[in-house]
Amino acid sequence: MSWKETAQQWINHIEDNDPLKQQLLDIQEDETELEDCFYTNLAFGTGGMRGLLGPGTNRMNKYTVRKAAAGLAKYIVSEGAEAMKRGIAVAYDSRHYSKEFALEVAKTAGAFDVHTYVFEDIRPTPVLSFAVRHLQAYAGVVITASHNPPEYNGFKVYGNDGAQMLPEAAEQVIHYAETIGPEIHIQVEEEQQLLEKGLLTYIGEEVDEAYIKCVQALQTNTQEVNEQLSIVFTPLHGTASALVRKGLNVFGFKDVQVVQEQNIPDPNFSTVESPNPEEHEAFTLAIEYGEKVDADILMATDPDADRLGVAEKNEHGIYEVLTGNQTGALMIDYLLQTYKEQGKLPENGLILKTIVTSELGAVIAKDFEVDSLDTLTGFKYIAEQIARFEETNDYTFLFGYEESYGYLIGDFVRDKDAVQLTVCIAEMAAYYKEKGLTLYGALQSLFERYGYYKESLQSITLKGKDGVGKMQALLDAFRNDPIKEIADCKVETIEDYESREKLYCLTDTIKEITLPQSNVLKYTLEDGSWFCIRPSGTEPKCKFYIGVQGDTEQESTDKLATLEQAVMKLVQKKQ
């Protein structure tokens, strides 16, 4: 069936009182817009299914949610009666239609006699991961688009280990969804019927309390040390406020100011241009609060509370937002040093990071005789390794992180968790404050010990059907004409995660890459600098990650600027 036929089918089927019907009618004469709504189905990327709200198979709406939920339900049915009874845990954030979509998951799964546990109100994504494990559910779903703009929403799927589904399992869900037929014809049960049949259970406080107990077990400082720290926190209109405040309270933090203007869940994120703590503008109000109370540390979580940004005063007394790489390196050094002092550092400890994350964390870990391993981008791959070593006992997981502000310490969650990290980073800041240091000062000490590591991220936006093709063409251009030198530095290795081959350019030898297949290229230069190219799994962007190291801050700054300019000039040439 062509996209035009599918669009007409939707127009004919949807009832007149459904807002989607009017939206379809409004764009019916705009063939470009209509095609973009229907030319494909929303696909699962590194963050699950995510897209613009609106009508069509390529948009987030109740019908596409039903199709994804039906695919998941059929997958669970195929796993047997016990899996159906264990069911699906469902959470949702503060975005437009999130609560409605969560109920659609329950209504769809219930039609297949699959039990669902739905949170009674908004919850952080990591708490959904915890709930899957705590309730021994067979799967999980969270309705969220993380830090995307307000016009987006999404559908993340989790396996029975509490981790985001890996591609192999997600493909099974997609396969089952595709066998169902048009999403507009999927039958659902009503909420009251599901409650009467015992196929729908609402959850909340009991899960929260169990989660906070696990967070409390991560505490390493005394209450007296923590009481001395002054904190400003903002949930950026999202889900984190209640649980972050509970966590800080049980750790003994007393001086906590919450940015009130951003404490109210708001699907429009009306006080920020982007609800992303990676964007320094998101800290504007937190900085105003911090300056008024002379706060030691500012922290911000994204709307679904799986990412955390941190700001502290630099040597000029100005609040400076740390990068995800810097925060991760600080956390590794603090944790390993604390575990060593307390006699809790295991001989087989392990740090996990992604291939686009700074090498500084690995260098610090090596100094403590702790191994580190790289994974593909996406925290599900870190969770996969946690599960693997849980079975083999080859390693003891200590910390996992990625450059995009995602971190994990306590593996009772199997996704990045900004709630537990807000509390633990506050504890780290209190530890350094007692020693007369800020986090910024501690970071400078790391640079002095290990070298000045700097990284940057550039991207180009390529929207719509043509954008997907342009991204693939760009990656193909790099593959078909391998570069040998850039920024006056020879290329030492080229890692192609699509072919799963690592080329050693200077010896012309090839080694197999054992990580899963992915459309990613990574280049390492003779001086240790590197850059990586990958299409985003959640946004219409192609991303370019760049990293360097220098003996001084100025050397590192200059090297980064030079390599960044050379990479983007090359990208422009190959487009």
Protein backbone atom coordinates (compact mmCIF):
# COMPACT_ATOMS: atom_id res chain seq x y z
CA MET A 1 0.00 0.00 0.00
CA SER A 2 1.37 3.43 -0.95
CA TRP A 3 1.72 6.22 1.57
CA LYS A 4 -1.11 8.09 -0.16
CA GLU A 5 -3.45 5.11 0.23
CA THR A 6 -2.46 4.78 3.89
CA ALA A 7 -3.13 8.48 4.48
CA GLN A 8 -6.56 8.20 2.87
CA GLN A 9 -7.32 5.13 4.98
CA TRP A 10 -6.57 7.15 8.13
CA ILE A 11 -8.75 10.04 6.95
CA ASN A 12 -11.64 7.68 6.23
CA HIS A 13 -11.33 5.74 9.48
CA ILE A 14 -10.65 8.33 12.18
CA GLU A 15 -13.76 9.72 13.83
CA ASP A 16 -14.66 13.37 13.26
CA ASN A 17 -14.29 14.28 16.96
CA ASP A 18 -10.70 12.99 17.08
CA PRO A 19 -8.21 15.93 16.94
CA LEU A 20 -6.02 13.82 14.64
CA LYS A 21 -8.76 13.93 11.99
CA GLN A 22 -8.70 17.72 11.83
CA GLN A 23 -4.89 17.75 11.72
CA LEU A 24 -5.00 15.40 8.74
CA LEU A 25 -7.54 17.52 6.95
CA ASP A 26 -5.43 20.63 7.58
CA ILE A 27 -2.40 19.13 5.78
CA GLN A 28 -4.28 17.13 3.14
CA GLU A 29 -3.32 19.55 0.37
CA ASP A 30 0.32 19.81 1.49
CA GLU A 31 1.74 16.73 -0.20
CA THR A 32 5.26 17.17 1.22
CA GLU A 33 4.01 17.33 4.82
CA LEU A 34 1.50 14.52 4.27
CA GLU A 35 4.18 12.28 2.76
CA ASP A 36 6.49 12.94 5.71
CA CYS A 37 3.69 11.80 8.05
CA PHE A 38 3.14 8.52 6.17
CA TYR A 39 6.15 7.55 4.04
CA THR A 40 7.57 5.26 6.74
CA ASN A 41 6.92 3.89 10.24
CA LEU A 42 8.63 5.28 13.31
CA ALA A 43 11.70 3.13 13.91
CA PHE A 44 13.48 2.00 17.06
CA GLY A 45 16.80 3.82 17.54
CA THR A 46 19.22 4.10 20.48
CA GLY A 47 16.36 5.54 22.56
CA GLY A 48 13.45 3.46 21.27
CA MET A 49 10.64 4.92 19.16
CA ARG A 50 10.60 8.70 19.19
CA GLY A 51 9.10 11.32 16.91
CA LEU A 52 6.97 14.37 16.36
CA LEU A 53 3.44 14.34 17.72
CA GLY A 54 0.77 14.30 15.04
CA PRO A 55 -1.17 12.08 12.64
CA GLY A 56 0.41 9.35 10.55
CA THR A 57 2.56 6.25 10.74
CA ASN A 58 5.68 8.42 11.05
CA ARG A 59 4.35 10.37 14.03
CA MET A 60 3.70 9.74 17.71
CA ASN A 61 -0.04 9.33 18.27
CA LYS A 62 -2.38 6.88 19.98
CA TYR A 63 -2.48 4.61 16.94
CA THR A 64 1.29 4.25 16.53
CA VAL A 65 1.52 3.74 20.30
CA ARG A 66 -1.08 0.99 20.02
CA LYS A 67 0.88 -0.71 17.26
CA ALA A 68 4.11 -0.66 19.27
CA ALA A 69 2.23 -1.88 22.36
CA ALA A 70 0.53 -4.62 20.36
CA GLY A 71 3.88 -5.80 19.04
CA LEU A 72 5.25 -5.93 22.57
CA ALA A 73 2.13 -7.73 23.83
CA LYS A 74 2.33 -10.36 21.07
CA TYR A 75 6.00 -10.86 21.88
CA ILE A 76 5.11 -11.45 25.54
CA VAL A 77 2.28 -13.82 24.58
CA SER A 78 4.79 -15.82 22.54
CA GLU A 79 6.87 -16.20 25.72
CA GLY A 80 4.02 -17.97 27.52
CA ALA A 81 1.47 -17.62 30.31
CA GLU A 82 4.03 -16.76 33.01
CA ALA A 83 5.37 -13.86 30.93
CA MET A 84 1.80 -12.60 30.36
CA LYS A 85 1.12 -12.72 34.10
CA ARG A 86 4.36 -10.88 34.92
CA GLY A 87 3.31 -8.31 32.35
CA ILE A 88 4.53 -4.80 31.55
CA ALA A 89 5.48 -1.96 33.90
CA VAL A 90 4.54 1.42 32.38
CA ALA A 91 5.73 4.92 33.31
CA TYR A 92 5.35 8.31 31.68
CA ASP A 93 6.76 11.83 31.88
CA SER A 94 5.26 15.33 31.81
CA ARG A 95 5.00 15.69 28.02
CA HIS A 96 1.92 16.25 25.89
CA TYR A 97 -0.20 13.06 25.77
CA SER A 98 2.25 11.03 27.88
CA LYS A 99 -0.41 9.94 30.38
CA GLU A 100 -2.87 9.14 27.58
CA PHE A 101 -0.27 7.10 25.71
CA ALA A 102 0.60 5.16 28.87
CA LEU A 103 -3.03 4.18 29.26
CA GLU A 104 -3.15 3.19 25.57
CA VAL A 105 -0.31 0.74 26.28
CA ALA A 106 -2.39 -0.83 29.05
CA LYS A 107 -5.57 -0.88 26.95
CA THR A 108 -3.75 -2.53 24.06
CA ALA A 109 -1.82 -5.07 26.14
CA GLY A 110 -4.99 -5.92 28.06
CA ALA A 111 -6.68 -6.93 24.81
CA PHE A 112 -4.02 -9.67 24.59
CA ASP A 113 -4.60 -10.66 28.27
CA VAL A 114 -1.22 -9.20 29.23
CA HIS A 115 -1.10 -7.61 32.71
CA THR A 116 0.18 -4.03 33.08
CA TYR A 117 1.43 -2.04 36.07
CA VAL A 118 0.95 1.66 35.36
CA PHE A 119 2.35 4.44 37.56
CA GLU A 120 -0.41 6.65 38.94
CA ASP A 121 1.54 9.82 38.10
CA ILE A 122 4.70 10.96 36.29
CA ARG A 123 7.92 9.14 37.16
CA PRO A 124 11.59 9.29 36.12
CA THR A 125 12.71 6.85 33.45
CA PRO A 126 15.24 5.14 35.78
CA VAL A 127 12.41 4.40 38.24
CA LEU A 128 10.65 2.51 35.44
CA SER A 129 13.83 0.47 34.96
CA PHE A 130 13.88 -0.20 38.70
CA ALA A 131 10.16 -1.07 38.73
CA VAL A 132 10.62 -3.75 36.06
CA ARG A 133 13.17 -5.48 38.29
CA HIS A 134 11.36 -4.80 41.57
CA LEU A 135 8.00 -6.11 40.32
CA GLN A 136 9.63 -8.86 38.25
CA ALA A 137 7.69 -7.64 35.23
CA TYR A 138 8.50 -9.24 31.91
CA ALA A 139 8.93 -5.91 30.13
CA GLY A 140 8.69 -2.17 30.64
CA VAL A 141 7.56 0.88 28.70
CA VAL A 142 8.18 4.53 29.42
CA ILE A 143 6.45 7.26 27.45
CA THR A 144 9.02 10.02 27.03
CA ALA A 145 11.08 11.94 24.51
CA SER A 146 13.76 12.75 27.09
CA HIS A 147 15.12 16.26 26.39
CA ASN A 148 13.68 16.69 22.89
CA PRO A 149 11.57 19.79 22.11
CA PRO A 150 7.92 19.93 23.32
CA GLU A 151 6.49 18.74 20.00
CA TYR A 152 8.09 15.30 20.46
CA ASN A 153 7.16 12.21 22.42
CA GLY A 154 8.43 8.64 22.48
CA PHE A 155 8.02 5.01 23.48
CA LYS A 156 10.97 3.28 25.16
CA VAL A 157 10.83 -0.50 25.60
CA TYR A 158 12.62 -2.39 28.37
CA GLY A 159 13.36 -6.08 28.80
CA ASN A 160 12.84 -8.16 31.93
CA ASP A 161 16.30 -7.18 33.21
CA GLY A 162 15.21 -3.54 33.41
CA ALA A 163 17.46 -2.48 30.52
CA GLN A 164 16.36 -0.95 27.26
CA MET A 165 15.71 -3.64 24.69
CA LEU A 166 18.67 -4.49 22.51
CA PRO A 167 18.23 -4.52 18.72
CA GLU A 168 17.64 -8.27 18.44
CA ALA A 169 14.74 -8.25 20.91
CA ALA A 170 13.40 -4.93 19.60
CA GLU A 171 13.33 -6.41 16.10
CA GLN A 172 11.11 -9.21 17.38
CA VAL A 173 8.70 -6.65 18.84
CA ILE A 174 8.71 -4.77 15.52
CA HIS A 175 8.14 -8.04 13.63
CA TYR A 176 5.10 -8.86 15.76
CA ALA A 177 3.80 -5.31 15.31
CA GLU A 178 4.08 -5.62 11.55
CA THR A 179 1.99 -8.82 11.55
CA ILE A 180 -0.94 -7.03 13.17
CA GLY A 181 -2.00 -4.87 10.26
CA PRO A 182 -3.01 -1.19 10.17
CA GLU A 183 -2.66 0.52 13.55
CA ILE A 184 -6.00 2.29 13.12
CA HIS A 185 -7.80 -1.08 13.28
CA ILE A 186 -6.16 -2.39 16.49
CA GLN A 187 -8.76 -3.27 19.12
CA VAL A 188 -8.29 -2.18 22.72
CA GLU A 189 -9.94 -2.84 26.09
CA GLU A 190 -11.39 -0.08 28.26
CA GLU A 191 -9.68 0.94 31.51
CA GLN A 192 -12.56 -0.11 33.79
CA GLN A 193 -12.78 -3.55 32.20
CA LEU A 194 -9.06 -4.08 32.72
CA LEU A 195 -9.30 -3.07 36.38
CA GLU A 196 -12.23 -5.47 36.90
CA LYS A 197 -10.34 -8.31 35.21
CA GLY A 198 -7.20 -7.67 37.25
CA LEU A 199 -5.20 -6.92 34.09
CA LEU A 200 -4.38 -3.34 35.16
CA THR A 201 -2.73 -2.37 38.43
CA TYR A 202 -1.81 1.19 39.38
CA ILE A 203 1.50 1.56 41.25
CA GLY A 204 3.39 4.36 42.97
CA GLU A 205 4.59 4.96 46.52
CA GLU A 206 5.66 1.41 47.36
CA VAL A 207 7.99 1.33 44.34
CA ASP A 208 9.36 4.80 45.24
CA GLU A 209 10.21 3.70 48.77
CA ALA A 210 11.99 0.56 47.58
CA TYR A 211 13.98 2.62 45.07
CA ILE A 212 15.04 5.22 47.66
CA LYS A 213 16.26 2.45 49.98
CA CYS A 214 18.54 1.24 47.21
CA VAL A 215 19.80 4.77 46.59
CA GLN A 216 20.51 5.20 50.31
CA ALA A 217 22.78 2.13 50.21
CA LEU A 218 25.14 4.09 47.92
CA GLN A 219 25.98 6.60 50.67
CA THR A 220 29.66 6.90 51.61
CA ASN A 221 29.89 10.26 53.47
CA THR A 222 28.63 11.00 56.96
CA GLN A 223 25.48 13.08 57.48
CA GLU A 224 27.58 15.80 59.14
CA VAL A 225 29.75 16.29 56.04
CA ASN A 226 26.73 16.43 53.73
CA GLU A 227 24.92 18.99 55.90
CA GLN A 228 27.56 21.60 55.04
CA LEU A 229 26.79 21.70 51.31
CA SER A 230 24.50 24.31 49.72
CA ILE A 231 22.58 22.97 46.70
CA VAL A 232 20.36 24.46 43.99
CA PHE A 233 18.40 21.88 42.00
CA THR A 234 16.07 22.14 39.02
CA PRO A 235 14.03 19.33 37.40
CA LEU A 236 13.48 21.49 34.27
CA HIS A 237 9.69 21.00 34.41
CA GLY A 238 10.09 17.23 34.47
CA THR A 239 9.75 14.18 36.68
CA ALA A 240 12.69 14.29 39.11
CA SER A 241 11.69 16.72 41.84
CA ALA A 242 10.00 14.49 44.42
CA LEU A 243 12.49 11.63 44.32
CA VAL A 244 15.59 13.82 44.13
CA ARG A 245 14.44 15.74 47.20
CA LYS A 246 13.77 12.46 49.04
CA GLY A 247 17.19 11.16 48.10
CA LEU A 248 18.99 14.31 49.21
CA ASN A 249 17.06 14.22 52.47
CA VAL A 250 18.03 10.63 53.36
CA PHE A 251 21.68 11.49 52.65
CA GLY A 252 21.45 14.33 55.16
CA PHE A 253 21.52 17.35 52.84
CA LYS A 254 19.64 20.18 54.53
CA ASP A 255 20.45 23.27 52.46
CA VAL A 256 18.56 22.51 49.23
CA GLN A 257 16.91 25.18 47.08
CA VAL A 258 14.63 24.02 44.26
CA VAL A 259 14.07 26.35 41.29
CA GLN A 260 10.36 26.91 41.85
CA GLU A 261 9.61 28.22 38.35
CA GLN A 262 10.86 24.89 36.95
CA ASN A 263 9.51 22.64 39.69
CA ILE A 264 6.07 22.48 38.04
CA PRO A 265 5.70 19.76 35.37
CA ASP A 266 5.13 21.62 32.11
CA PRO A 267 4.92 19.90 28.69
CA ASN A 268 5.91 23.16 26.99
CA PHE A 269 9.06 23.64 29.13
CA SER A 270 8.12 27.28 29.11
CA THR A 271 11.13 28.73 30.98
CA VAL A 272 13.84 27.23 28.75
CA GLU A 273 14.61 27.09 25.06
CA SER A 274 15.53 23.43 25.48
CA PRO A 275 14.95 21.20 28.55
CA ASN A 276 18.40 19.71 28.12
CA PRO A 277 21.00 20.13 30.89
CA GLU A 278 23.69 19.78 28.22
CA GLU A 279 22.60 23.24 27.02
CA HIS A 280 24.10 25.87 29.33
CA GLU A 281 21.05 28.11 28.82
CA ALA A 282 19.02 25.57 30.81
CA PHE A 283 20.98 26.67 33.91
CA THR A 284 19.99 30.34 33.64
CA LEU A 285 17.44 30.31 36.47
CA ALA A 286 19.52 27.91 38.58
CA ILE A 287 22.46 30.31 38.32
CA GLU A 288 20.26 33.20 39.46
CA TYR A 289 19.19 31.12 42.48
CA GLY A 290 22.79 30.08 43.13
CA GLU A 291 24.08 33.62 43.12
CA LYS A 292 21.39 34.72 45.59
CA VAL A 293 22.21 32.02 48.14
CA ASP A 294 25.89 31.52 47.24
CA ALA A 295 25.24 27.84 46.50
CA ASP A 296 28.15 25.41 46.32
CA ILE A 297 26.68 23.37 43.48
CA LEU A 298 23.90 23.62 40.89
CA MET A 299 22.29 20.51 39.36
CA ALA A 300 19.68 20.05 36.63
CA THR A 301 17.93 16.92 35.36
CA ASP A 302 16.23 16.55 32.00
CA PRO A 303 12.44 15.96 31.89
CA ASP A 304 12.57 12.16 32.26
CA ALA A 305 15.45 12.37 34.75
CA ASP A 306 17.95 10.09 33.09
CA ARG A 307 20.46 12.89 32.36
CA LEU A 308 22.13 15.23 34.83
CA GLY A 309 24.04 18.47 34.39
CA VAL A 310 26.30 19.98 37.07
CA ALA A 311 27.65 23.51 37.54
CA GLU A 312 30.13 24.84 40.11
CA LYS A 313 32.10 28.03 40.55
CA ASN A 314 35.37 28.30 38.63
CA GLU A 315 38.49 30.17 39.76
CA HIS A 316 36.78 33.48 38.90
CA GLY A 317 33.75 32.74 41.09
CA ILE A 318 31.50 32.23 38.06
CA TYR A 319 29.27 29.16 37.78
CA GLU A 320 30.62 26.91 35.03
CA VAL A 321 28.70 23.93 33.63
CA LEU A 322 30.81 20.78 33.57
CA THR A 323 30.69 18.50 30.55
CA GLY A 324 29.44 14.94 30.85
CA ASN A 325 33.00 13.72 30.27
CA GLN A 326 34.32 15.90 33.09
CA THR A 327 31.60 14.89 35.55
CA GLY A 328 32.17 11.22 34.71
CA ALA A 329 35.92 11.51 35.25
CA LEU A 330 35.40 13.23 38.62
CA MET A 331 32.96 10.53 39.69
CA ILE A 332 35.34 7.73 38.71
CA ASP A 333 38.23 9.26 40.65
CA TYR A 334 36.04 9.94 43.70
CA LEU A 335 34.43 6.49 43.76
CA LEU A 336 37.65 4.56 43.25
CA GLN A 337 39.53 6.63 45.82
CA THR A 338 36.70 6.28 48.35
CA TYR A 339 36.36 2.52 47.78
CA LYS A 340 40.13 2.14 48.12
CA GLU A 341 40.23 4.11 51.39
CA GLN A 342 37.34 2.06 52.78
CA GLY A 343 38.81 -1.26 51.64
CA LYS A 344 35.88 -1.83 49.26
CA LEU A 345 37.68 -1.63 45.90
CA PRO A 346 37.30 -5.08 44.28
CA GLU A 347 40.22 -6.66 42.45
CA ASN A 348 38.03 -7.18 39.38
CA GLY A 349 36.37 -3.75 39.29
CA LEU A 350 35.12 -2.44 35.96
CA ILE A 351 34.25 0.94 34.43
CA LEU A 352 32.01 0.98 31.35
CA LYS A 353 31.85 3.82 28.85
CA THR A 354 30.83 4.37 25.24
CA ILE A 355 33.10 4.67 22.21
CA VAL A 356 32.40 8.43 21.97
CA THR A 357 33.19 9.13 25.63
CA SER A 358 36.48 10.75 26.73
CA GLU A 359 39.48 8.54 27.42
CA LEU A 360 40.21 10.40 30.68
CA GLY A 361 37.96 8.11 32.72
CA ALA A 362 39.76 5.03 31.41
CA VAL A 363 43.14 6.57 32.23
CA ILE A 364 42.03 7.31 35.81
CA ALA A 365 40.64 3.79 36.22
CA LYS A 366 43.92 2.29 35.01
CA ASP A 367 45.77 4.27 37.70
CA PHE A 368 43.65 2.42 40.28
CA GLU A 369 44.29 -0.90 38.48
CA VAL A 370 40.65 -0.99 37.41
CA ASP A 371 39.74 -2.13 33.91
CA SER A 372 37.49 -0.20 31.55
CA LEU A 373 35.55 -1.36 28.50
CA ASP A 374 33.93 0.52 25.63
CA THR A 375 30.42 -0.11 24.32
CA LEU A 376 28.39 1.29 21.45
CA THR A 377 26.52 4.54 22.06
CA GLY A 378 23.29 3.95 23.99
CA PHE A 379 23.07 3.00 27.64
CA LYS A 380 21.40 -0.30 26.78
CA TYR A 381 24.82 -1.54 25.69
CA ILE A 382 26.31 -0.63 29.06
CA ALA A 383 23.40 -2.46 30.73
CA GLU A 384 24.08 -5.46 28.49
CA GLN A 385 27.64 -5.68 29.80
CA ILE A 386 26.47 -5.31 33.42
CA ALA A 387 24.18 -8.31 32.92
CA ARG A 388 26.91 -10.27 31.16
CA PHE A 389 29.43 -9.87 33.96
CA GLU A 390 26.76 -10.46 36.58
CA GLU A 391 26.49 -13.96 35.12
CA THR A 392 30.20 -14.65 34.53
CA ASN A 393 31.57 -12.87 37.64
CA ASP A 394 34.57 -11.84 35.53
CA TYR A 395 34.11 -8.23 36.62
CA THR A 396 32.36 -6.24 39.33
CA PHE A 397 30.54 -3.24 37.87
CA LEU A 398 31.50 0.05 39.55
CA PHE A 399 30.40 2.85 37.22
CA GLY A 400 29.01 3.36 33.74
CA TYR A 401 28.71 6.61 31.80
CA GLU A 402 28.44 8.36 28.47
CA GLU A 403 29.43 11.85 27.39
CA SER A 404 25.81 12.96 26.99
CA TYR A 405 25.27 13.39 30.76
CA GLY A 406 24.24 9.80 31.48
CA TYR A 407 25.67 7.95 34.51
CA LEU A 408 25.01 4.91 36.69
CA ILE A 409 26.50 3.66 39.97
CA GLY A 410 23.90 1.38 41.57
CA ASP A 411 22.96 -1.41 39.17
CA PHE A 412 19.54 -1.88 40.77
CA VAL A 413 18.69 0.36 37.81
CA ARG A 414 19.78 -0.73 34.32
CA ASP A 415 19.66 2.64 32.60
CA LYS A 416 21.31 5.99 33.18
CA ASP A 417 19.91 7.43 36.40
CA ALA A 418 20.00 11.16 37.15
CA VAL A 419 18.17 10.70 40.46
CA GLN A 420 20.81 8.55 42.15
CA LEU A 421 23.61 10.59 40.54
CA THR A 422 22.18 13.92 41.76
CA VAL A 423 22.49 12.59 45.30
CA CYS A 424 25.90 10.96 44.82
CA ILE A 425 27.43 13.95 43.04
CA ALA A 426 26.18 16.18 45.86
CA GLU A 427 27.96 13.82 48.24
CA MET A 428 31.15 14.07 46.17
CA ALA A 429 30.91 17.88 46.26
CA ALA A 430 30.48 17.78 50.05
CA TYR A 431 33.57 15.54 50.33
CA TYR A 432 35.69 18.02 48.37
CA LYS A 433 34.24 21.02 50.20
CA GLU A 434 35.42 19.55 53.49
CA LYS A 435 38.90 19.39 51.95
CA GLY A 436 38.67 23.00 50.77
CA LEU A 437 38.07 22.15 47.11
CA THR A 438 35.28 22.68 44.63
CA LEU A 439 34.49 20.13 41.93
CA TYR A 440 36.04 22.58 39.47
CA GLY A 441 39.22 22.60 41.56
CA ALA A 442 39.22 18.80 41.78
CA LEU A 443 38.88 18.64 38.00
CA GLN A 444 41.93 20.87 37.52
CA SER A 445 43.87 18.48 39.78
CA LEU A 446 42.87 15.58 37.52
CA PHE A 447 44.08 17.48 34.45
CA GLU A 448 47.40 18.22 36.14
CA ARG A 449 47.83 14.52 36.97
CA TYR A 450 46.63 12.92 33.74
CA GLY A 451 46.76 15.60 31.03
CA TYR A 452 44.27 18.08 29.67
CA TYR A 453 41.52 16.19 27.90
CA LYS A 454 39.01 18.18 25.87
CA GLU A 455 36.08 17.06 23.72
CA SER A 456 33.42 18.64 21.56
CA LEU A 457 30.29 17.61 19.70
CA GLN A 458 29.19 19.05 16.38
CA SER A 459 26.13 18.07 14.38
CA ILE A 460 24.24 18.77 11.20
CA THR A 461 20.45 18.53 11.04
CA LEU A 462 18.97 16.60 8.11
CA LYS A 463 15.21 16.32 8.48
CA GLY A 464 12.63 14.25 6.63
CA LYS A 465 12.86 11.46 4.06
CA ASP A 466 15.68 13.18 2.18
CA GLY A 467 17.62 13.67 5.41
CA VAL A 468 17.93 9.94 6.06
CA GLY A 469 19.37 9.43 2.59
CA LYS A 470 21.78 12.33 2.96
CA MET A 471 23.10 10.96 6.25
CA GLN A 472 23.73 7.56 4.71
CA ALA A 473 25.38 9.16 1.68
CA LEU A 474 27.71 11.11 3.98
CA LEU A 475 28.78 7.96 5.85
CA ASP A 476 29.24 6.17 2.53
CA ALA A 477 31.43 9.02 1.27
CA PHE A 478 33.76 8.60 4.25
CA ARG A 479 33.84 4.82 3.77
CA ASN A 480 34.45 4.92 0.02
CA ASP A 481 37.30 7.41 0.25
CA PRO A 482 39.19 6.70 3.50
CA ILE A 483 41.19 9.61 4.82
CA LYS A 484 44.87 9.09 5.61
CA GLU A 485 45.66 12.42 7.25
CA ILE A 486 43.77 15.28 8.89
CA ALA A 487 44.89 18.44 10.70
CA ASP A 488 48.52 17.62 9.76
CA CYS A 489 48.29 14.34 11.66
CA LYS A 490 48.26 10.83 10.22
CA VAL A 491 45.26 8.59 10.80
CA GLU A 492 46.39 5.57 12.82
CA THR A 493 43.19 3.49 12.91
CA ILE A 494 39.74 3.53 11.34
CA GLU A 495 37.02 1.62 13.15
CA ASP A 496 33.99 0.81 10.99
CA TYR A 497 31.26 -0.57 13.21
CA GLU A 498 29.08 -1.38 10.20
CA SER A 499 31.59 -3.85 8.75
CA ARG A 500 32.90 -4.53 12.29
CA GLU A 501 36.48 -4.04 11.16
CA LYS A 502 39.32 -1.98 12.59
CA LEU A 503 41.89 -0.91 10.02
CA TYR A 504 45.42 -0.17 11.23
CA CYS A 505 46.35 2.32 8.52
CA LEU A 506 50.13 2.39 9.05
CA THR A 507 50.50 -1.40 8.69
CA ASP A 508 47.43 -1.99 6.48
CA THR A 509 46.16 -4.74 8.76
CA ILE A 510 42.58 -5.42 9.84
CA LYS A 511 41.21 -6.67 13.16
CA GLU A 512 37.64 -7.75 13.87
CA ILE A 513 35.50 -5.52 16.11
CA THR A 514 33.52 -7.62 18.59
CA LEU A 515 30.87 -5.00 19.38
CA PRO A 516 27.47 -5.22 17.63
CA GLN A 517 27.00 -3.83 14.13
CA SER A 518 26.22 -0.12 13.95
CA ASN A 519 26.46 2.63 11.33
CA VAL A 520 29.40 4.38 13.01
CA LEU A 521 32.93 5.37 11.99
CA LYS A 522 35.72 6.27 14.44
CA TYR A 523 39.15 7.63 13.53
CA THR A 524 42.15 7.68 15.88
CA LEU A 525 45.17 9.84 15.00
CA GLU A 526 48.86 9.32 15.74
CA ASP A 527 48.84 11.85 18.58
CA GLY A 528 45.91 10.12 20.35
CA SER A 529 43.28 12.56 19.11
CA TRP A 530 40.13 11.05 17.65
CA PHE A 531 36.82 11.79 16.01
CA CYS A 532 33.70 9.73 15.47
CA ILE A 533 30.74 10.01 13.07
CA ARG A 534 27.31 8.55 13.77
CA PRO A 535 23.68 9.30 12.89
CA SER A 536 21.62 10.08 15.99
CA GLY A 537 19.22 7.35 17.03
CA THR A 538 16.66 9.83 18.37
CA GLU A 539 16.97 13.03 16.32
CA PRO A 540 17.31 13.88 12.59
CA LYS A 541 21.00 14.68 13.07
CA CYS A 542 24.39 13.38 12.07
CA LYS A 543 26.79 13.81 14.99
CA PHE A 544 30.54 14.37 15.03
CA TYR A 545 32.39 13.66 18.28
CA ILE A 546 35.94 15.03 18.64
CA GLY A 547 38.50 14.44 21.40
CA VAL A 548 42.08 15.55 22.08
CA GLN A 549 44.65 15.56 24.86
CA GLY A 550 47.46 18.03 25.59
CA ASP A 551 50.12 18.65 28.23
CA THR A 552 48.67 22.10 28.94
CA GLU A 553 45.18 23.53 28.76
CA GLN A 554 46.18 25.91 25.96
CA GLU A 555 47.72 23.10 23.91
CA SER A 556 44.55 21.04 24.33
CA THR A 557 42.31 24.00 23.43
CA ASP A 558 44.32 24.72 20.28
CA LYS A 559 44.39 21.08 19.18
CA LEU A 560 40.63 20.76 19.64
CA ALA A 561 39.90 23.90 17.63
CA THR A 562 42.20 22.77 14.81
CA LEU A 563 40.80 19.24 14.60
CA GLU A 564 37.21 20.44 14.94
CA GLN A 565 37.68 22.87 12.03
CA ALA A 566 39.35 20.21 9.89
CA VAL A 567 36.65 17.60 10.54
CA MET A 568 33.76 19.94 9.73
CA LYS A 569 35.55 21.21 6.61
CA LEU A 570 35.91 17.60 5.49
CA VAL A 571 32.25 16.92 6.23
CA GLN A 572 31.23 19.90 4.12
CA LYS A 573 33.44 18.65 1.28
CA LYS A 574 31.91 15.15 1.36
CA GLN A 575 28.27 16.30 1.55
